[in-house]
Every structure is written in structure tokens, then in C-alpha cells.
Amino acid sequence: MLINFVPKTEISAKENLQWLFILRNLMIGGESLFLLISIDVLNIQLHESALWLTILAIASFNLYTWMRLKTDIPVTEMEIFSQLVVDVLAIAALLYLTGGATNPFTWIFLLPVILTAIILPHAYTWYMVILTTTLYTALIPYHATLIEIEPHLMLSESADFMHSMQHNVQDTEFLNFHIFGMWFGFVCSAGLVAFFSVELSKTIKAGERTIADAREKSIQDSSLISLASLAASAAHDMGTPLGTMAIIVHELKDEKRPISTKEMQEKMQIMQDQIRRCKQALSVMSSSAGEIRADSGHLTVFTSYLDDVINQWRNQQPGMKINFIINPLAPLNSLILAEKTLTHALINILNNAAQVTLQKKGFDFSVTPCSIENFIGIQIRDYGPGIPKKLLQKLGNEPIKSDAGLGVGLFLSCSTIRRMGGSVEVTNAPTGGACINIILPVDSQPSDVPHA
């Protein structure tokens, strides 16, 4: 059975209280056995009545704890700490009656400190340290004396020889008692440390397994996001060819005049090219599924990667104007992880900007330095109607329905960028239109490859 060291729920707190109940039973049994051995076997004169009353009080309190465990009332951290405080006071009372700080079993004060550190927040641990230290210090001057086992003071030369021998025997008994106490304390301390270390190790391993499962699930989710991003990009890629083919089919259907063979061949050639583009978009998504990172993730110069992204986007929007604004202070020669999903995410955002912007006016594409080291900024600003305020906070953070068709595609693009360690912020420009502010991680290692 694993000990739940942190009582984050009612169940774990109750389990910790149950462990306190079990350990207190062991303490009561050990104290009773040791008291019987000390009095009946070792013939040590102790304050027997007071000790038995103290043990009876501890047993009565543990009976209350047992009854408490039978109820359904939630166990709180303060209640567990109060239980430990009662244990500390009981230990102090037992040590007071058995020699105080001279008792070799004062190490038992470490037990409630260890338990507090394991099952309660750190603040309670320091309170327990203060309490045990104060009581230990108080037991140095204040405690019940045990004349029968204390070492004697130096005798005068005129003392009786038999009296001297009697005190020598007392010295030996006290020494043996102290050595036994030290040995017993070491055995108990070693056992407790080993026990809690093993249980803590089991808990840590269980936590590591949970983290490993969560990491594996995260990798699976990342693969799904990558595939979804490719699907969204493929849908955008096929949008233009399908629209072109729809126009040609509509023209052929409504054409009333005879069509020449040459004109028919030209139209069929256009349709064939568009079909080829659709098949290429689907083949890219199919071949990349499940092995996106392995095949496409590689470091390349940022400017070269940006040129590749723009060229791929140009094939889809050949007539759209794009206004480049490059800040020379930006780390243009830095290296970036070129990944297919990131490329498709950027192309998807460019397509969104192109859909809401007039072809002649175009939209802005800015590259700027970032205040955070090893990052670079990209801003894509369109000149469309902007984004409604009710959608501004949701857009890019969750799939939404929008008349402009930006919801799912932009959400997948933003998820891809964030998955790679970047960030995306969607805002409206003061003079109209929407701004997509992107921050991407780059390698600060300079490259000797010149940028365009």
C-alpha cells in the first residue's frame, strides 16, 4: 500500500490520519513493553504511575482518532497537524518523567517532524520544528530526576568502600542503559528512514509513470494537431483549383456557341492542372501523416525559410499583392526549425489575409525584432473589415464558426505555432483590418549564409 504523502483530497487526508492512528498504536505498544522491561527486568525505579497514566491518555486519544475515522466528516490539514501536536506533547510528557534531555530516546522528537514534512505543506513543518525544539530545550533543565540510574558525583576519600562499589555498579548500569538507548534509537531511525524512503520512492516512480503517460498523450495530441493543420492547409490549397474548375464547368455548360477544338483543349489543360494541384495537396497530407517531425523538421536560415513559405503561397495566390516590411535589426540570419506543419500554418494565415483584402491593395507582411532573446516577430496585417469584438478573444484559441471562414483553420495554425514554442496574438489595427502577431523561436547561432 502506498502512502499518499500530500493530502490534496479528502481521501488522501483520511489515509494520512489512518497512518497516524497506526503509528500511534505502535508507539503505545513499544512504550508499554519498554516500561515493563525497565521495571520488572532491569529493576529501574521509574515514576510508574505517572507513566502509565500518560500512556493511558495517549491510548484514549487514539481511541477518539479511531472513532473519528469512522465518520464521513472531511479531514483537514489543521486537524492532522493538531493530531501531531498532541503526539509531540505526549512524547514530551514521557521524556519529562524519564530523565528529560538525558534520556537517550529524545531522538523520537524527529518522528513527528518527519511525518509533518511528508504529509503536510512546508509551513506546518517549520511550526513543528519550532515546537519540538522548544520542548527539547525545556527538558534540559526541567525534568523528573532518576536517582537510581544517574551517574554519581565524585566521592571523597573517606567514603565507604562498599558505597563506592555500589555507585560503580550504578555507573555501569547507566552507561549500559544509555548505550542501549542509543542503539535502539539508531535502529528505529534507520528503519523509519528506510520505510519512508521506500514509500517515497514508490510514489515518485508512480508520478514519473503518470508524467510519461501524459507526455505520450501529448505527443499523440501533437500528431493529431499536425495532421489537422495539414488537412486545413490542404483544404485551402484545393479551394482555388476547385473554384477555377467550377468556373470552367459553368462556362462550358452555359456556352451556346460552338467551341473550337483549340479552346476546348486549353480549358481541359487548365482543369488538368487544377486537378494535379488538388492531388498534390492530398498527397502531401497523406505522406506526412504520422512522420511529420521525422521527415520535415530541420534547421535552416530564417530568410531562406521565409522565401520558401512565400513561394509556396504565391502558387496559390499568384495575383495577390504583398507588402514586405523588413526591420534590419531583426535576427534575419538566425536558424529556424523548418517544419511542414509550421509552413502550412503560415500559408493558412496568409490565405486568410488574402481572402479579405483587395488584390490591388494587398496586405502587409512585417518581420521585426523581438524583445525576448532567441525569438523573431512576424506581423501579417490585412485591410479587410477587421474582426468582430465578440470573436476577437476566441479567434485562434478555440474552433469557432465565422462568416469569413477563419475559425478552424486559424485555430489549427495557432496551435501549431504554440506547439513549436511560439505565440500568436490576434488584434484589430487602429486604422482598420486585422493583425496577426506571431513570435517564433530561432537559434541565436549566426549563419554565414547571406539573406535576400
Protein backbone atom coordinates (compact mmCIF):
# COMPACT_ATOMS: atom_id res chain seq x y z
CA MET A 1 0.00 0.00 0.00
CA LEU A 2 1.37 3.38 -0.98
CA ILE A 3 1.25 6.29 1.45
CA ASN A 4 -0.36 9.36 -0.06
CA PHE A 5 2.15 11.95 1.14
CA VAL A 6 0.24 15.05 0.06
CA PRO A 7 -3.36 15.31 1.30
CA LYS A 8 -4.78 17.09 -1.72
CA THR A 9 -8.14 15.34 -1.45
CA GLU A 10 -10.37 14.24 1.36
CA ILE A 11 -9.48 10.60 0.69
CA SER A 12 -5.70 11.15 0.92
CA ALA A 13 -6.08 13.26 4.10
CA LYS A 14 -8.10 10.49 5.72
CA GLU A 15 -5.47 7.94 4.70
CA ASN A 16 -2.78 10.07 6.35
CA LEU A 17 -4.85 10.26 9.55
CA GLN A 18 -5.22 6.48 9.43
CA TRP A 19 -1.44 6.13 9.21
CA LEU A 20 -1.08 8.39 12.26
CA PHE A 21 -3.52 6.12 14.11
CA ILE A 22 -1.45 3.04 13.19
CA LEU A 23 1.88 4.63 14.15
CA ARG A 24 0.43 5.82 17.47
CA ASN A 25 -0.67 2.26 18.22
CA LEU A 26 2.88 1.09 17.57
CA MET A 27 4.20 3.82 19.86
CA ILE A 28 1.80 2.83 22.66
CA GLY A 29 2.78 -0.82 22.33
CA GLY A 30 6.51 -0.04 22.29
CA GLU A 31 6.28 2.29 25.28
CA SER A 32 4.29 -0.24 27.32
CA LEU A 33 6.74 -3.04 26.52
CA PHE A 34 9.77 -0.90 27.30
CA LEU A 35 8.24 0.27 30.58
CA LEU A 36 7.56 -3.31 31.66
CA ILE A 37 11.12 -4.39 30.77
CA SER A 38 12.65 -1.41 32.60
CA ILE A 39 10.67 -2.00 35.80
CA ASP A 40 10.37 -5.78 36.00
CA VAL A 41 13.57 -6.95 34.26
CA LEU A 42 16.11 -4.16 34.70
CA ASN A 43 14.72 -3.11 38.12
CA ILE A 44 14.92 0.57 37.20
CA GLN A 45 12.95 2.78 39.58
CA LEU A 46 10.73 4.98 37.38
CA HIS A 47 7.68 7.14 38.03
CA GLU A 48 5.49 4.18 37.20
CA SER A 49 2.04 5.60 37.99
CA ALA A 50 2.58 8.81 36.08
CA LEU A 51 3.97 6.94 33.08
CA TRP A 52 1.03 4.52 32.94
CA LEU A 53 -1.41 7.45 33.19
CA THR A 54 0.36 9.17 30.30
CA ILE A 55 0.20 6.02 28.16
CA LEU A 56 -3.47 5.63 29.07
CA ALA A 57 -4.12 9.23 27.97
CA ILE A 58 -2.40 8.56 24.64
CA ALA A 59 -4.48 5.40 24.18
CA SER A 60 -7.69 7.32 24.97
CA PHE A 61 -6.81 9.95 22.38
CA ASN A 62 -6.09 7.22 19.83
CA LEU A 63 -9.49 5.69 20.59
CA TYR A 64 -11.02 9.07 19.73
CA THR A 65 -8.99 9.05 16.48
CA TRP A 66 -10.33 5.59 15.64
CA MET A 67 -13.91 6.82 16.19
CA ARG A 68 -13.11 9.90 14.10
CA LEU A 69 -12.03 7.72 11.19
CA LYS A 70 -15.44 6.04 11.20
CA THR A 71 -17.20 9.31 10.38
CA ASP A 72 -17.67 10.90 6.96
CA ILE A 73 -16.55 14.37 8.05
CA PRO A 74 -13.68 15.61 5.81
CA VAL A 75 -10.22 15.59 7.41
CA THR A 76 -8.38 18.92 7.17
CA GLU A 77 -4.67 19.74 7.24
CA MET A 78 -5.10 21.62 10.52
CA GLU A 79 -6.70 18.56 12.10
CA ILE A 80 -3.76 16.36 11.10
CA PHE A 81 -1.33 18.96 12.43
CA SER A 82 -3.28 19.09 15.72
CA GLN A 83 -3.01 15.31 16.00
CA LEU A 84 0.75 15.56 15.55
CA VAL A 85 0.95 18.33 18.17
CA VAL A 86 -0.83 16.06 20.68
CA ASP A 87 1.73 13.33 19.89
CA VAL A 88 4.59 15.77 20.49
CA LEU A 89 3.14 16.84 23.85
CA ALA A 90 2.68 13.19 24.83
CA ILE A 91 6.31 12.42 23.89
CA ALA A 92 7.47 15.44 25.92
CA ALA A 93 5.49 14.20 28.95
CA LEU A 94 7.03 10.73 28.72
CA LEU A 95 10.55 12.17 28.37
CA TYR A 96 9.92 14.54 31.32
CA LEU A 97 9.12 11.53 33.52
CA THR A 98 12.16 9.56 32.32
CA GLY A 99 15.06 11.96 32.64
CA GLY A 100 14.24 14.70 30.11
CA ALA A 101 17.09 15.59 27.74
CA THR A 102 19.33 12.99 29.42
CA ASN A 103 17.06 10.24 28.11
CA PRO A 104 18.74 8.61 25.08
CA PHE A 105 15.33 8.29 23.41
CA THR A 106 14.95 12.02 22.75
CA TRP A 107 15.52 11.19 19.07
CA ILE A 108 11.82 10.29 18.94
CA PHE A 109 11.12 14.03 18.54
CA LEU A 110 12.31 13.57 14.93
CA LEU A 111 9.37 11.30 14.10
CA PRO A 112 6.61 13.97 14.17
CA VAL A 113 8.91 16.35 12.27
CA ILE A 114 9.41 13.74 9.52
CA LEU A 115 5.71 12.98 9.35
CA THR A 116 4.80 16.67 9.16
CA ALA A 117 7.30 17.24 6.35
CA ILE A 118 5.86 14.32 4.39
CA ILE A 119 2.10 14.73 4.73
CA LEU A 120 1.61 18.48 5.26
CA PRO A 121 2.66 21.72 3.49
CA HIS A 122 6.06 23.20 4.31
CA ALA A 123 4.71 25.90 6.62
CA TYR A 124 3.48 23.29 9.09
CA THR A 125 6.92 21.66 9.10
CA TRP A 126 8.57 24.81 10.42
CA TYR A 127 5.89 25.16 13.09
CA MET A 128 6.64 21.59 14.16
CA VAL A 129 10.38 22.27 14.21
CA ILE A 130 9.80 25.27 16.49
CA LEU A 131 7.54 23.25 18.81
CA THR A 132 9.85 20.22 19.15
CA THR A 133 12.95 22.40 19.57
CA THR A 134 11.25 24.43 22.31
CA LEU A 135 10.14 21.33 24.20
CA TYR A 136 13.55 19.66 23.83
CA THR A 137 15.22 22.80 25.17
CA ALA A 138 12.79 22.96 28.11
CA LEU A 139 13.52 19.34 29.01
CA ILE A 140 17.20 20.13 29.60
CA PRO A 141 16.71 21.99 32.91
CA TYR A 142 13.22 20.74 33.77
CA HIS A 143 12.62 17.03 34.16
CA ALA A 144 11.95 14.41 36.82
CA THR A 145 15.21 13.03 38.23
CA LEU A 146 16.03 9.35 38.09
CA ILE A 147 18.38 8.86 41.02
CA GLU A 148 18.68 5.14 40.57
CA ILE A 149 20.21 5.35 37.10
CA GLU A 150 22.01 8.68 37.18
CA PRO A 151 25.81 8.74 37.42
CA HIS A 152 27.11 9.71 40.87
CA LEU A 153 29.10 12.73 41.83
CA MET A 154 32.78 12.39 42.75
CA LEU A 155 33.13 10.70 46.18
CA SER A 156 35.50 11.78 48.96
CA GLU A 157 38.40 9.57 50.01
CA SER A 158 36.70 8.85 53.31
CA ALA A 159 33.64 7.28 51.70
CA ASP A 160 32.88 3.73 52.45
CA PHE A 161 34.37 1.18 50.02
CA MET A 162 31.04 -0.66 49.63
CA HIS A 163 29.28 2.63 48.93
CA SER A 164 31.83 3.30 46.20
CA MET A 165 31.28 -0.12 44.68
CA GLN A 166 27.54 0.49 44.69
CA HIS A 167 27.97 3.71 42.73
CA ASN A 168 30.31 1.96 40.29
CA VAL A 169 27.56 -0.53 39.61
CA GLN A 170 25.14 2.39 39.09
CA ASP A 171 27.63 3.95 36.66
CA THR A 172 27.80 0.71 34.69
CA GLU A 173 24.02 0.35 34.64
CA PHE A 174 23.59 3.94 33.48
CA LEU A 175 26.22 3.50 30.77
CA ASN A 176 24.65 0.27 29.55
CA PHE A 177 21.20 1.88 29.58
CA HIS A 178 22.46 4.86 27.61
CA ILE A 179 24.29 2.69 25.06
CA PHE A 180 21.20 0.52 24.64
CA GLY A 181 19.07 3.63 24.15
CA MET A 182 21.45 4.97 21.53
CA TRP A 183 21.48 1.64 19.73
CA PHE A 184 17.72 1.32 19.84
CA GLY A 185 17.37 4.90 18.60
CA PHE A 186 19.65 4.16 15.66
CA VAL A 187 17.72 1.02 14.73
CA CYS A 188 14.37 2.82 14.87
CA SER A 189 15.66 5.86 12.99
CA ALA A 190 17.23 3.68 10.28
CA GLY A 191 14.02 1.69 9.97
CA LEU A 192 11.87 4.79 9.71
CA VAL A 193 14.16 6.44 7.17
CA ALA A 194 14.27 3.25 5.09
CA PHE A 195 10.48 2.81 5.29
CA PHE A 196 9.61 6.36 4.27
CA SER A 197 12.37 6.43 1.64
CA VAL A 198 10.98 3.29 0.01
CA GLU A 199 7.43 4.60 0.09
CA LEU A 200 8.53 7.99 -1.21
CA SER A 201 10.50 6.29 -3.99
CA LYS A 202 7.39 4.32 -4.96
CA THR A 203 5.35 7.49 -5.04
CA ILE A 204 7.98 9.27 -7.17
CA LYS A 205 8.08 6.36 -9.61
CA ALA A 206 4.30 6.38 -9.82
CA GLY A 207 4.45 10.11 -10.54
CA GLU A 208 7.07 9.53 -13.23
CA ARG A 209 4.83 6.93 -14.86
CA THR A 210 1.97 9.42 -14.82
CA ILE A 211 4.20 12.08 -16.38
CA ALA A 212 5.39 9.61 -19.02
CA ASP A 213 1.78 8.72 -19.88
CA ALA A 214 0.90 12.41 -20.08
CA ARG A 215 3.94 13.04 -22.32
CA GLU A 216 2.93 10.20 -24.61
CA LYS A 217 -0.62 11.55 -24.79
CA SER A 218 0.80 15.00 -25.54
CA ILE A 219 2.83 13.54 -28.42
CA GLN A 220 -0.29 11.86 -29.77
CA ASP A 221 -2.23 15.11 -29.47
CA SER A 222 0.63 16.91 -31.20
CA SER A 223 0.45 14.44 -34.09
CA LEU A 224 -3.29 14.97 -34.36
CA ILE A 225 -2.81 18.76 -34.41
CA SER A 226 -0.13 18.38 -37.08
CA LEU A 227 -2.38 16.21 -39.22
CA ALA A 228 -5.33 18.56 -38.70
CA SER A 229 -3.16 21.52 -39.67
CA LEU A 230 -2.09 19.75 -42.85
CA ALA A 231 -5.74 18.93 -43.57
CA ALA A 232 -6.72 22.58 -43.13
CA SER A 233 -3.87 23.65 -45.40
CA ALA A 234 -4.85 21.04 -47.99
CA ALA A 235 -8.41 22.38 -47.90
CA HIS A 236 -7.09 25.87 -48.58
CA ASP A 237 -4.81 24.56 -51.33
CA MET A 238 -7.71 22.81 -53.05
CA GLY A 239 -10.08 25.74 -52.65
CA THR A 240 -8.66 27.79 -55.53
CA PRO A 241 -8.33 24.88 -58.05
CA LEU A 242 -11.84 23.68 -57.30
CA GLY A 243 -13.17 27.21 -57.74
CA THR A 244 -11.36 27.51 -61.08
CA MET A 245 -12.76 24.19 -62.28
CA ALA A 246 -16.25 25.20 -61.16
CA ILE A 247 -16.00 28.38 -63.28
CA ILE A 248 -14.81 26.44 -66.34
CA VAL A 249 -17.56 23.84 -65.97
CA HIS A 250 -20.14 26.61 -65.59
CA GLU A 251 -18.83 28.34 -68.72
CA LEU A 252 -18.93 25.10 -70.70
CA LYS A 253 -22.42 24.36 -69.51
CA ASP A 254 -23.80 27.79 -70.39
CA GLU A 255 -21.82 28.18 -73.62
CA LYS A 256 -24.26 28.49 -76.53
CA ARG A 257 -21.81 28.95 -79.35
CA PRO A 258 -19.75 26.09 -80.80
CA ILE A 259 -16.41 25.66 -79.04
CA SER A 260 -13.32 25.13 -81.14
CA THR A 261 -11.02 22.22 -80.53
CA LYS A 262 -8.17 24.54 -79.53
CA GLU A 263 -10.31 26.40 -76.98
CA MET A 264 -11.56 23.09 -75.57
CA GLN A 265 -8.01 21.82 -75.22
CA GLU A 266 -6.99 24.98 -73.37
CA LYS A 267 -9.86 24.65 -70.92
CA MET A 268 -9.17 20.93 -70.41
CA GLN A 269 -5.49 21.74 -69.82
CA ILE A 270 -6.47 24.25 -67.14
CA MET A 271 -8.73 21.69 -65.47
CA GLN A 272 -5.98 19.08 -65.63
CA ASP A 273 -3.54 21.47 -63.94
CA GLN A 274 -6.05 22.23 -61.22
CA ILE A 275 -6.72 18.54 -60.63
CA ARG A 276 -2.97 17.98 -60.36
CA ARG A 277 -2.79 20.71 -57.68
CA CYS A 278 -5.57 19.01 -55.71
CA LYS A 279 -3.87 15.64 -55.90
CA GLN A 280 -0.55 17.19 -54.84
CA ALA A 281 -2.19 18.79 -51.79
CA LEU A 282 -3.74 15.46 -50.77
CA SER A 283 -0.52 13.51 -51.35
CA VAL A 284 1.45 15.93 -49.14
CA MET A 285 -1.02 15.43 -46.30
CA SER A 286 -1.07 11.66 -46.76
CA SER A 287 2.71 11.23 -46.93
CA SER A 288 3.28 13.50 -43.93
CA ALA A 289 0.79 11.86 -41.60
CA GLY A 290 2.48 10.16 -38.66
CA GLU A 291 6.02 11.18 -39.63
CA ILE A 292 5.88 14.95 -39.84
CA ARG A 293 8.71 15.75 -37.44
CA ALA A 294 10.98 12.96 -38.62
CA ASP A 295 10.85 13.96 -42.27
CA SER A 296 10.43 17.72 -42.28
CA GLY A 297 11.99 19.13 -39.11
CA HIS A 298 15.38 20.63 -39.94
CA LEU A 299 17.24 23.85 -39.15
CA THR A 300 17.52 26.38 -41.92
CA VAL A 301 18.27 30.09 -42.27
CA PHE A 302 15.21 32.18 -41.44
CA THR A 303 15.32 34.22 -44.68
CA SER A 304 15.61 31.07 -46.79
CA TYR A 305 12.71 29.50 -44.95
CA LEU A 306 10.64 32.67 -45.36
CA ASP A 307 11.36 32.72 -49.11
CA ASP A 308 10.19 29.11 -49.37
CA VAL A 309 6.95 29.88 -47.50
CA ILE A 310 6.20 32.91 -49.69
CA ASN A 311 6.96 30.97 -52.90
CA GLN A 312 4.60 28.16 -51.89
CA TRP A 313 1.92 30.71 -51.07
CA ARG A 314 2.48 32.51 -54.41
CA ASN A 315 1.49 29.32 -56.24
CA GLN A 316 -1.93 29.54 -54.59
CA GLN A 317 -2.39 33.33 -54.84
CA PRO A 318 -0.36 34.39 -57.90
CA GLY A 319 -2.04 37.77 -58.37
CA MET A 320 -2.23 38.96 -54.77
CA LYS A 321 -0.01 41.88 -53.78
CA ILE A 322 2.04 41.56 -50.59
CA ASN A 323 3.87 44.48 -49.00
CA PHE A 324 7.12 43.42 -47.29
CA ILE A 325 8.39 45.44 -44.33
CA ILE A 326 11.71 44.04 -43.07
CA ASN A 327 13.35 45.54 -39.98
CA PRO A 328 17.16 45.23 -40.40
CA LEU A 329 17.51 44.81 -36.61
CA ALA A 330 15.63 41.52 -36.75
CA PRO A 331 17.81 38.36 -36.46
CA LEU A 332 17.34 37.50 -40.15
CA ASN A 333 20.36 35.19 -40.31
CA SER A 334 19.23 33.10 -37.36
CA LEU A 335 18.26 29.46 -37.78
CA ILE A 336 14.68 28.25 -37.52
CA LEU A 337 13.19 24.77 -37.35
CA ALA A 338 11.58 24.37 -40.76
CA GLU A 339 8.63 22.06 -40.30
CA LYS A 340 5.85 21.28 -42.75
CA THR A 341 3.14 22.00 -40.21
CA LEU A 342 4.62 25.44 -39.47
CA THR A 343 4.87 26.18 -43.19
CA HIS A 344 1.23 25.24 -43.73
CA ALA A 345 0.21 27.26 -40.66
CA LEU A 346 1.85 30.41 -42.05
CA ILE A 347 0.40 29.79 -45.51
CA ASN A 348 -3.03 29.37 -43.96
CA ILE A 349 -2.71 32.74 -42.19
CA LEU A 350 -1.51 34.39 -45.44
CA ASN A 351 -4.51 32.93 -47.28
CA ASN A 352 -6.86 34.30 -44.63
CA ALA A 353 -5.34 37.77 -45.09
CA ALA A 354 -5.60 37.49 -48.88
CA GLN A 355 -9.29 36.50 -48.73
CA VAL A 356 -10.36 39.73 -47.00
CA THR A 357 -8.02 42.14 -48.84
CA LEU A 358 -8.42 43.75 -52.26
CA GLN A 359 -5.98 42.25 -54.75
CA LYS A 360 -4.56 45.60 -55.86
CA LYS A 361 -4.07 46.98 -52.36
CA GLY A 362 -2.64 43.78 -50.91
CA PHE A 363 -1.67 43.23 -47.28
CA ASP A 364 1.41 43.85 -45.14
CA PHE A 365 3.97 41.26 -44.10
CA SER A 366 6.41 42.59 -41.48
CA VAL A 367 9.46 40.96 -39.89
CA THR A 368 10.52 42.64 -36.64
CA PRO A 369 12.97 42.03 -33.80
CA CYS A 370 11.57 40.61 -30.58
CA SER A 371 12.24 41.86 -27.06
CA ILE A 372 12.72 38.22 -25.99
CA GLU A 373 16.11 36.74 -26.86
CA ASN A 374 16.18 33.95 -29.46
CA PHE A 375 12.78 34.91 -30.88
CA ILE A 376 11.71 36.77 -34.02
CA GLY A 377 8.47 38.59 -34.74
CA ILE A 378 6.19 38.37 -37.77
CA GLN A 379 3.13 40.56 -38.31
CA ILE A 380 0.55 39.90 -41.02
CA ARG A 381 -1.85 42.83 -41.34
CA ASP A 382 -4.77 42.78 -43.77
CA TYR A 383 -7.00 45.65 -44.91
CA GLY A 384 -10.32 43.91 -44.56
CA PRO A 385 -13.29 44.72 -42.30
CA GLY A 386 -11.49 43.54 -39.18
CA ILE A 387 -12.65 41.00 -36.60
CA PRO A 388 -15.84 41.46 -34.51
CA LYS A 389 -15.10 42.14 -30.84
CA LYS A 390 -17.15 39.14 -29.71
CA LEU A 391 -14.84 36.84 -31.72
CA LEU A 392 -11.55 38.62 -31.06
CA GLN A 393 -10.73 36.80 -27.80
CA LYS A 394 -11.83 33.39 -29.10
CA LEU A 395 -10.26 33.53 -32.55
CA GLY A 396 -7.16 31.34 -32.64
CA ASN A 397 -7.80 29.92 -29.16
CA GLU A 398 -10.75 27.67 -29.98
CA PRO A 399 -12.61 26.48 -33.10
CA ILE A 400 -15.41 28.90 -33.91
CA LYS A 401 -17.89 29.49 -36.67
CA SER A 402 -17.30 32.62 -38.69
CA ASP A 403 -18.75 34.06 -41.88
CA ALA A 404 -15.21 34.72 -43.09
CA GLY A 405 -14.28 31.07 -42.60
CA LEU A 406 -11.32 31.81 -40.32
CA GLY A 407 -12.30 29.75 -37.27
CA VAL A 408 -10.98 26.20 -37.58
CA GLY A 409 -8.04 26.94 -39.89
CA LEU A 410 -6.71 29.79 -37.73
CA PHE A 411 -7.18 27.73 -34.56
CA LEU A 412 -5.09 24.88 -36.01
CA SER A 413 -2.45 27.32 -37.25
CA CYS A 414 -2.17 28.98 -33.83
CA SER A 415 -2.00 25.57 -32.14
CA THR A 416 0.86 24.55 -34.43
CA ILE A 417 2.83 27.74 -33.70
CA ARG A 418 2.31 27.39 -29.94
CA ARG A 419 3.29 23.72 -30.10
CA MET A 420 6.67 24.78 -31.51
CA GLY A 421 7.23 27.23 -28.64
CA GLY A 422 5.94 30.36 -30.33
CA SER A 423 2.95 32.58 -29.64
CA VAL A 424 0.15 34.19 -31.63
CA GLU A 425 -1.91 37.29 -30.85
CA VAL A 426 -4.90 38.40 -32.92
CA THR A 427 -5.82 42.11 -32.81
CA ASN A 428 -7.54 44.77 -34.87
CA ALA A 429 -5.45 47.56 -36.39
CA PRO A 430 -6.41 51.12 -35.30
CA THR A 431 -6.93 52.18 -38.93
CA GLY A 432 -8.89 49.08 -39.91
CA GLY A 433 -8.15 45.47 -40.72
CA ALA A 434 -6.84 42.62 -38.60
CA CYS A 435 -3.29 41.98 -37.33
CA ILE A 436 -1.84 38.55 -36.63
CA ASN A 437 1.26 38.99 -34.44
CA ILE A 438 3.45 35.89 -34.46
CA ILE A 439 6.55 35.21 -32.38
CA LEU A 440 8.71 32.25 -33.45
CA PRO A 441 11.72 30.70 -31.70
CA VAL A 442 15.02 30.89 -33.56
CA ASP A 443 18.55 29.70 -32.91
CA SER A 444 20.79 32.61 -31.95
CA GLN A 445 23.79 30.93 -33.63
CA PRO A 446 24.71 33.26 -36.50
CA SER A 447 24.73 31.87 -40.02
CA ASP A 448 27.22 32.73 -42.75
CA VAL A 449 24.58 32.28 -45.42
CA PRO A 450 23.60 35.71 -46.78
CA HIS A 451 19.93 36.64 -46.69
CA ALA A 452 17.98 38.02 -49.59
